[in-house]
Amino acid sequence: MTYGFLYQFNFDLFGLIAVASAITFVTRKSPVAAALWLVNTMFCLAALFIMMDAQFVGVIQVLVYAGAIMVVFLFVVMLLNLGHPSDVSDIKGVWPRLLAAAAGIAILAKVLVSLRQKLPPMLPDLMPGRNVVTPIADPLFHEYLLAFEITSVVLLVAIIGAVALAKRQG
């Protein structure tokens, strides 16, 4: 088994899971279940970015989208009480649980095999004194600081608006 085959297999696998999760996201009736499928899609996209040597974009994908925005979305959904607790779970019955367990065992086996083969490192050698974040952070916190701060204020106003709507309805 060569390194190129493993890379292509993982890339195709994460792409397939991302597409399947996105389709599942738009077909869910429960907003909480849909949000969780969207988080799964974001994690798969982050894995694809990392495999394409865009580690910073992959980490930002997890932190910003799968982390912050989805927490805000779930907070608003829970605050508005849009779903009934029995509707949250997409897994009904034994077969989906067995399929999920089999997928988990297969992924764990793949990770253990990869660790045992001691694959070459994925991270590129960085120049001394410089890292992959500096070219992005410098303009963000110097030239585009005002736009960055306005975006954070807009998100804060959206949360306050959701709280006000929830209190008015309740």
Foldseek 3Di string as FASTA:
>chain_A
DDPVVVLVVLLVVLVVLLVVLQVVLVPAPDPLLSLVSVLSNLLSVLVNCVSVQNNVVSVCSCCPPSNDVSVLVVVLCVLLVPDDVVSNDPDDDDVVVVVVVVVVVVVVVVVVVCVVVPDDDSHDDDDPPDDPCVVVVVCCVPVVVVVVVVVVVVSVVVSVVSNVVSVVVD
